[in-house]
Amino acid sequence: MSAQSMTFGQAISKARKAKGLSQKELAALVKKEEGGGPISPQYLNDIEHDRRSPTSDHLIKQFATILDEDEGYLFVLAGKIPDDVREKAKDRDKIVKSFANFRKNITN
């Protein structure tokens, strides 16, 4: 499967299996919020089968850390711009130029 056709769920599933973790084991490691309880194995299953998307930057960052995957790659697959980037993006022209450069570089 090429990176272009990889979905967020497929990337999580592939990385989880490469680490030798079951869905139940990975779900127990991923916390809903800082200090919160773990996500459910069913929620992880739904993510891996692209029935649900991660609901927060917090979850994407945890998946990246636990699965040794690049955070930026997972954000792109999830179709999200990290909150910290969005909050700093104030200049319209700079945003437009940066996005055009991103598109150009990613599709070449």
N, C-alpha and C. Protein backbone atom coordinates (compact mmCIF):
# COMPACT_ATOMS: atom_id res chain seq x y z
N MET A 1 0.85 -1.18 0.00
CA MET A 1 0.00 0.00 0.00
C MET A 1 0.89 1.23 0.00
N SER A 2 0.64 2.13 -0.89
CA SER A 2 1.45 3.33 -0.97
C SER A 2 1.04 4.32 0.10
N ALA A 3 1.97 5.23 0.43
CA ALA A 3 1.67 6.26 1.43
C ALA A 3 0.52 7.14 0.96
N GLN A 4 0.38 7.32 -0.37
CA GLN A 4 -0.67 8.18 -0.90
C GLN A 4 -2.05 7.61 -0.63
N SER A 5 -2.17 6.29 -0.62
CA SER A 5 -3.48 5.69 -0.43
C SER A 5 -3.72 5.27 1.02
N MET A 6 -2.74 5.46 1.89
CA MET A 6 -2.85 5.07 3.30
C MET A 6 -3.82 6.00 4.02
N THR A 7 -4.71 5.43 4.79
CA THR A 7 -5.60 6.22 5.63
C THR A 7 -5.01 6.28 7.04
N PHE A 8 -5.55 7.17 7.86
CA PHE A 8 -5.10 7.25 9.25
C PHE A 8 -5.28 5.90 9.94
N GLY A 9 -6.46 5.33 9.79
CA GLY A 9 -6.74 4.04 10.43
C GLY A 9 -5.80 2.94 9.99
N GLN A 10 -5.52 2.89 8.70
CA GLN A 10 -4.61 1.87 8.18
C GLN A 10 -3.19 2.07 8.72
N ALA A 11 -2.77 3.33 8.82
CA ALA A 11 -1.44 3.62 9.36
C ALA A 11 -1.34 3.19 10.83
N ILE A 12 -2.39 3.45 11.61
CA ILE A 12 -2.40 3.05 13.02
C ILE A 12 -2.36 1.53 13.13
N SER A 13 -3.17 0.85 12.35
CA SER A 13 -3.22 -0.61 12.37
C SER A 13 -1.87 -1.20 12.00
N LYS A 14 -1.27 -0.70 10.95
CA LYS A 14 0.03 -1.20 10.49
C LYS A 14 1.11 -0.99 11.55
N ALA A 15 1.16 0.20 12.12
CA ALA A 15 2.16 0.51 13.14
C ALA A 15 1.94 -0.32 14.41
N ARG A 16 0.67 -0.50 14.78
CA ARG A 16 0.34 -1.31 15.96
C ARG A 16 0.82 -2.74 15.79
N LYS A 17 0.53 -3.31 14.63
CA LYS A 17 0.95 -4.69 14.35
C LYS A 17 2.47 -4.81 14.31
N ALA A 18 3.13 -3.81 13.74
CA ALA A 18 4.60 -3.81 13.69
C ALA A 18 5.22 -3.80 15.09
N LYS A 19 4.51 -3.18 16.04
CA LYS A 19 4.98 -3.13 17.43
C LYS A 19 4.56 -4.37 18.22
N GLY A 20 3.78 -5.24 17.60
CA GLY A 20 3.34 -6.46 18.26
C GLY A 20 2.29 -6.24 19.32
N LEU A 21 1.49 -5.18 19.16
CA LEU A 21 0.45 -4.86 20.13
C LEU A 21 -0.92 -5.30 19.63
N SER A 22 -1.74 -5.78 20.53
CA SER A 22 -3.14 -6.05 20.20
C SER A 22 -3.90 -4.73 20.28
N GLN A 23 -5.10 -4.72 19.74
CA GLN A 23 -5.93 -3.51 19.87
C GLN A 23 -6.20 -3.22 21.33
N LYS A 24 -6.45 -4.23 22.11
CA LYS A 24 -6.72 -4.05 23.54
C LYS A 24 -5.51 -3.43 24.25
N GLU A 25 -4.31 -3.90 23.91
CA GLU A 25 -3.09 -3.36 24.53
C GLU A 25 -2.87 -1.91 24.15
N LEU A 26 -3.02 -1.59 22.86
CA LEU A 26 -2.82 -0.21 22.43
C LEU A 26 -3.87 0.70 23.04
N ALA A 27 -5.12 0.27 23.03
CA ALA A 27 -6.19 1.09 23.60
C ALA A 27 -5.91 1.43 25.05
N ALA A 28 -5.35 0.49 25.80
CA ALA A 28 -5.04 0.72 27.21
C ALA A 28 -3.95 1.77 27.40
N LEU A 29 -3.10 1.96 26.38
CA LEU A 29 -2.00 2.92 26.47
C LEU A 29 -2.39 4.34 26.07
N VAL A 30 -3.47 4.47 25.29
CA VAL A 30 -3.89 5.78 24.77
C VAL A 30 -4.95 6.36 25.70
N LYS A 31 -4.65 7.52 26.27
CA LYS A 31 -5.57 8.18 27.21
C LYS A 31 -6.45 9.19 26.49
N LYS A 32 -7.71 9.28 26.91
CA LYS A 32 -8.66 10.21 26.30
C LYS A 32 -8.20 11.66 26.44
N GLU A 33 -7.78 12.03 27.61
CA GLU A 33 -7.31 13.39 27.90
C GLU A 33 -6.18 13.28 28.91
N GLU A 34 -5.50 14.37 29.16
CA GLU A 34 -4.47 14.37 30.19
C GLU A 34 -5.07 13.87 31.49
N GLY A 35 -4.50 12.81 32.03
CA GLY A 35 -4.99 12.27 33.29
C GLY A 35 -6.28 11.48 33.18
N GLY A 36 -6.80 11.33 31.98
CA GLY A 36 -8.07 10.61 31.79
C GLY A 36 -7.85 9.12 31.61
N GLY A 37 -8.95 8.42 31.48
CA GLY A 37 -8.89 6.98 31.27
C GLY A 37 -8.54 6.63 29.84
N PRO A 38 -8.28 5.36 29.60
CA PRO A 38 -7.90 4.93 28.25
C PRO A 38 -9.09 4.93 27.29
N ILE A 39 -8.76 4.96 26.01
CA ILE A 39 -9.80 4.80 25.00
C ILE A 39 -10.25 3.34 25.02
N SER A 40 -11.40 3.07 24.47
CA SER A 40 -11.89 1.69 24.46
C SER A 40 -11.32 0.95 23.24
N PRO A 41 -11.18 -0.38 23.37
CA PRO A 41 -10.75 -1.16 22.20
C PRO A 41 -11.71 -0.99 21.02
N GLN A 42 -13.02 -0.82 21.28
CA GLN A 42 -13.99 -0.62 20.19
C GLN A 42 -13.73 0.69 19.46
N TYR A 43 -13.41 1.74 20.22
CA TYR A 43 -13.09 3.04 19.59
C TYR A 43 -11.85 2.90 18.72
N LEU A 44 -10.83 2.20 19.21
CA LEU A 44 -9.62 1.96 18.41
C LEU A 44 -9.96 1.15 17.17
N ASN A 45 -10.80 0.14 17.32
CA ASN A 45 -11.21 -0.66 16.17
C ASN A 45 -11.91 0.20 15.13
N ASP A 46 -12.78 1.09 15.60
CA ASP A 46 -13.47 2.00 14.68
C ASP A 46 -12.48 2.93 13.97
N ILE A 47 -11.47 3.41 14.67
CA ILE A 47 -10.44 4.25 14.05
C ILE A 47 -9.69 3.45 12.98
N GLU A 48 -9.25 2.24 13.33
CA GLU A 48 -8.48 1.42 12.40
C GLU A 48 -9.27 1.04 11.15
N HIS A 49 -10.58 0.97 11.28
CA HIS A 49 -11.42 0.63 10.12
C HIS A 49 -12.06 1.88 9.49
N ASP A 50 -11.52 3.04 9.86
CA ASP A 50 -11.93 4.33 9.27
C ASP A 50 -13.42 4.62 9.44
N ARG A 51 -13.99 4.11 10.53
CA ARG A 51 -15.38 4.45 10.86
C ARG A 51 -15.44 5.68 11.76
N ARG A 52 -14.31 6.00 12.41
CA ARG A 52 -14.21 7.18 13.27
C ARG A 52 -12.83 7.80 13.07
N SER A 53 -12.76 9.07 13.38
CA SER A 53 -11.49 9.79 13.30
C SER A 53 -11.07 10.18 14.71
N PRO A 54 -9.76 10.37 14.92
CA PRO A 54 -9.34 10.83 16.25
C PRO A 54 -9.97 12.19 16.52
N THR A 55 -10.43 12.38 17.74
CA THR A 55 -11.18 13.59 18.07
C THR A 55 -10.32 14.75 18.52
N SER A 56 -9.05 14.52 18.77
CA SER A 56 -8.22 15.60 19.29
C SER A 56 -6.76 15.45 18.88
N ASP A 57 -6.05 16.57 18.93
CA ASP A 57 -4.61 16.56 18.71
C ASP A 57 -3.95 15.65 19.74
N HIS A 58 -4.49 15.68 20.95
CA HIS A 58 -3.95 14.87 22.06
C HIS A 58 -3.87 13.39 21.67
N LEU A 59 -4.92 12.87 21.05
CA LEU A 59 -4.93 11.46 20.65
C LEU A 59 -3.92 11.19 19.54
N ILE A 60 -3.86 12.06 18.56
CA ILE A 60 -2.92 11.87 17.45
C ILE A 60 -1.49 11.86 17.97
N LYS A 61 -1.17 12.78 18.86
CA LYS A 61 0.18 12.85 19.43
C LYS A 61 0.50 11.59 20.23
N GLN A 62 -0.48 11.06 20.95
CA GLN A 62 -0.23 9.82 21.70
C GLN A 62 0.03 8.65 20.77
N PHE A 63 -0.79 8.52 19.73
CA PHE A 63 -0.55 7.45 18.76
C PHE A 63 0.87 7.56 18.18
N ALA A 64 1.28 8.77 17.83
CA ALA A 64 2.61 8.97 17.27
C ALA A 64 3.69 8.52 18.25
N THR A 65 3.57 8.93 19.49
CA THR A 65 4.57 8.59 20.50
C THR A 65 4.60 7.09 20.77
N ILE A 66 3.46 6.51 21.04
CA ILE A 66 3.39 5.09 21.40
C ILE A 66 3.83 4.19 20.25
N LEU A 67 3.46 4.57 19.03
CA LEU A 67 3.74 3.72 17.86
C LEU A 67 5.02 4.10 17.12
N ASP A 68 5.77 5.06 17.66
CA ASP A 68 7.00 5.54 17.01
C ASP A 68 6.74 5.95 15.56
N GLU A 69 5.68 6.71 15.37
CA GLU A 69 5.31 7.20 14.04
C GLU A 69 5.47 8.71 14.03
N ASP A 70 5.74 9.27 12.89
CA ASP A 70 5.91 10.71 12.78
C ASP A 70 4.58 11.42 13.00
N GLU A 71 4.59 12.36 13.92
CA GLU A 71 3.39 13.11 14.27
C GLU A 71 2.81 13.87 13.08
N GLY A 72 3.67 14.53 12.30
CA GLY A 72 3.21 15.28 11.14
C GLY A 72 2.51 14.41 10.13
N TYR A 73 3.07 13.22 9.91
CA TYR A 73 2.47 12.26 8.98
C TYR A 73 1.07 11.87 9.44
N LEU A 74 0.91 11.59 10.73
CA LEU A 74 -0.40 11.22 11.24
C LEU A 74 -1.40 12.37 11.17
N PHE A 75 -0.93 13.60 11.41
CA PHE A 75 -1.83 14.75 11.29
C PHE A 75 -2.34 14.89 9.86
N VAL A 76 -1.46 14.70 8.88
CA VAL A 76 -1.88 14.79 7.48
C VAL A 76 -2.89 13.69 7.16
N LEU A 77 -2.60 12.46 7.59
CA LEU A 77 -3.54 11.37 7.32
C LEU A 77 -4.89 11.58 8.01
N ALA A 78 -4.86 12.23 9.17
CA ALA A 78 -6.11 12.52 9.89
C ALA A 78 -6.84 13.72 9.31
N GLY A 79 -6.19 14.44 8.39
CA GLY A 79 -6.82 15.61 7.78
C GLY A 79 -6.93 16.78 8.74
N LYS A 80 -5.96 16.90 9.63
CA LYS A 80 -6.01 17.95 10.66
C LYS A 80 -4.77 18.83 10.60
N ILE A 81 -4.97 20.05 10.99
CA ILE A 81 -3.86 20.97 11.23
C ILE A 81 -3.74 21.08 12.75
N PRO A 82 -2.56 20.81 13.30
CA PRO A 82 -2.43 20.87 14.76
C PRO A 82 -2.87 22.22 15.31
N ASP A 83 -3.51 22.17 16.47
CA ASP A 83 -4.03 23.39 17.10
C ASP A 83 -2.95 24.45 17.27
N ASP A 84 -1.74 24.05 17.67
CA ASP A 84 -0.69 25.04 17.90
C ASP A 84 -0.30 25.76 16.61
N VAL A 85 -0.35 25.06 15.49
CA VAL A 85 -0.04 25.68 14.19
C VAL A 85 -1.19 26.62 13.79
N ARG A 86 -2.42 26.13 13.93
CA ARG A 86 -3.59 26.93 13.55
C ARG A 86 -3.65 28.22 14.37
N GLU A 87 -3.32 28.14 15.65
CA GLU A 87 -3.37 29.32 16.52
C GLU A 87 -2.35 30.38 16.12
N LYS A 88 -1.22 29.94 15.58
CA LYS A 88 -0.16 30.87 15.19
C LYS A 88 -0.33 31.40 13.77
N ALA A 89 -1.19 30.75 12.99
CA ALA A 89 -1.40 31.12 11.60
C ALA A 89 -2.36 32.31 11.53
N LYS A 90 -1.83 33.50 11.50
CA LYS A 90 -2.66 34.72 11.52
C LYS A 90 -2.66 35.46 10.18
N ASP A 91 -1.54 35.38 9.47
CA ASP A 91 -1.37 36.14 8.24
C ASP A 91 -1.96 35.37 7.05
N ARG A 92 -3.05 35.87 6.47
CA ARG A 92 -3.73 35.19 5.37
C ARG A 92 -2.80 34.88 4.21
N ASP A 93 -2.03 35.88 3.77
CA ASP A 93 -1.16 35.68 2.61
C ASP A 93 -0.08 34.62 2.88
N LYS A 94 0.43 34.63 4.10
CA LYS A 94 1.44 33.64 4.47
C LYS A 94 0.84 32.23 4.50
N ILE A 95 -0.39 32.13 4.98
CA ILE A 95 -1.08 30.84 5.01
C ILE A 95 -1.29 30.32 3.59
N VAL A 96 -1.78 31.19 2.72
CA VAL A 96 -2.04 30.80 1.33
C VAL A 96 -0.75 30.34 0.65
N LYS A 97 0.31 31.11 0.81
CA LYS A 97 1.61 30.77 0.20
C LYS A 97 2.16 29.46 0.77
N SER A 98 2.07 29.30 2.08
CA SER A 98 2.57 28.09 2.72
C SER A 98 1.80 26.85 2.26
N PHE A 99 0.49 26.99 2.16
CA PHE A 99 -0.32 25.85 1.72
C PHE A 99 -0.02 25.50 0.27
N ALA A 100 0.16 26.51 -0.57
CA ALA A 100 0.51 26.26 -1.97
C ALA A 100 1.85 25.53 -2.06
N ASN A 101 2.82 25.94 -1.25
CA ASN A 101 4.12 25.27 -1.23
C ASN A 101 3.99 23.83 -0.73
N PHE A 102 3.19 23.65 0.29
CA PHE A 102 2.94 22.31 0.82
C PHE A 102 2.37 21.41 -0.27
N ARG A 103 1.33 21.89 -0.94
CA ARG A 103 0.70 21.09 -2.01
C ARG A 103 1.68 20.76 -3.12
N LYS A 104 2.47 21.75 -3.50
CA LYS A 104 3.45 21.54 -4.57
C LYS A 104 4.47 20.49 -4.16
N ASN A 105 5.00 20.60 -2.95
CA ASN A 105 6.02 19.67 -2.49
C ASN A 105 5.48 18.27 -2.24
N ILE A 106 4.28 18.16 -1.76
CA ILE A 106 3.72 16.87 -1.42
C ILE A 106 3.29 16.09 -2.66
N THR A 107 2.96 16.79 -3.74
CA THR A 107 2.49 16.09 -4.94
C THR A 107 3.57 15.85 -5.98
N ASN A 108 4.77 16.33 -5.74
CA ASN A 108 5.87 16.09 -6.69
C ASN A 108 6.66 14.86 -6.32
